[in-house]
C-alpha cells in the first residue's frame, strides 16, 4: 500500500479541491489563483529537467510555452468551434470533455517537435551557447506569431472559451482546474520516472561530467535532445492550459519575462528537486499576486505623501524590480534554493514512511 501513497494522497487532494470549487467554497478568484499555481508548477518542473537535472542553461523556455499555447488553441477551435479560420467544427461541442485530452496532447507534441528543431543544432555547441540560442528562439517565436495575421497577429487569438463553455454545458464542474491537476500529475510522474530510468541516469551523468559520460558509452547528444524534447513538450502543455484558462492568448504573454519567471521558480526551489520547484512555484504565484495589491497601495501612500509625481505609478515597474532582485539575493545568500538537489523525503526522512513515489 505504501507504494501508492503519493498517488492516493494526490487524488484525495485533487478531489477535495474540486469539491470545494464545485460547492462554492472557493470563489472564482481563488479558483483562478490555484489553477495558475498548477500551470506555473508544470512550467517550472519542465524547465527544471534541463536547467536542474541536466545542468544546461535554457533562458527562453517561454517560447515553447507559446508554441503549446497557440497549437492547443488552434486545435481546440478547429475541433469544437465554428470559426472563420477553420470553418465548421470537426466535432460536436458535446464531445469536448472526451476529446480535450487530444487538444493537450497535440499542444505537447507540437512544442516537443519544436524543441527537437531547436535542440538538434543547439547541442552541437557547449557551455553557455544554449542560453543564447534559447533566448533568440524565444524572440523568434514571438515575432513569427505576431506576423501571422490569420491567427490574430499582435492582437492575439481567442475562441477557446467556447470549448471550456461546451465542457461546462455537458457537466457543470471546474473543468480547467481538473485538467490542470491531471496535467500536473502527468508532468511530475513523467519527470520522476524519467529521472529514475536508465535515460535519467544518463542525464545526471551529463550534468556531472559530459566528457566522462561519453567515455562511459553514453550517447550524450541523444540524451540531451530527448530531455530537451520532454521539457519543451511539458512547457507546451502548460501553455495550452494557460490559453484555455484565459480564453485568449497573446504572444507577448510568453516573452523573455515569462522565461525569467521560470528561471526564478527553478532556482528558488533548487535545481534537480521536483518538490523544491513545486514549493517555489506555489510561493512565486502567491508573491506575484500579493504584489498586485501591495504595490498599488504603496503608490497611494507615496502620492499622499507627495513623494511620487502626479500620474506616475510604480505598479508597472516594481514587479520586475522585485522579482529579479529575488533572483540576485538568492544567488548571493542561498544559491542552492529551498531544497538544493534534494527532495522533501530527504530533508524530512519521516515523510518517506508515509509517501513513496511509484
Foldseek 3Di string as FASTA:
>chain_A
DQQCLVVVVLVVVLVVVQVCVVVVVADPVNLLLLLVLLLLLLLLLLVLLCCFLQVADAQQLLLLLLQLQLQLQVLLCQADHADPLNHDHPYHLLCLVVCSVVSLQRLLQRQLVVLLVQLVVQVVDDDHSNHVSSLVSLVVSQQVQLPPPSQPRQNFHFDLLVSVVSPCVNPNTNVLSVLSSVLSVCSVLVSVVCLPDPLVVLSNVNNVPVVVSVVVPDPNSVSSSVSSSNSSSSSSSSSNSVCNSVRIDGSVVSHSVVSLLSVLLCQQQFRQESQSSSVSSSVSSVVVVVLQPVQVVVQVVCVVVVNDDPPDGCSVPVVVVVSVVSVVVCVVPPRRHDAHNDYPCVVPVVVSVRHHHD
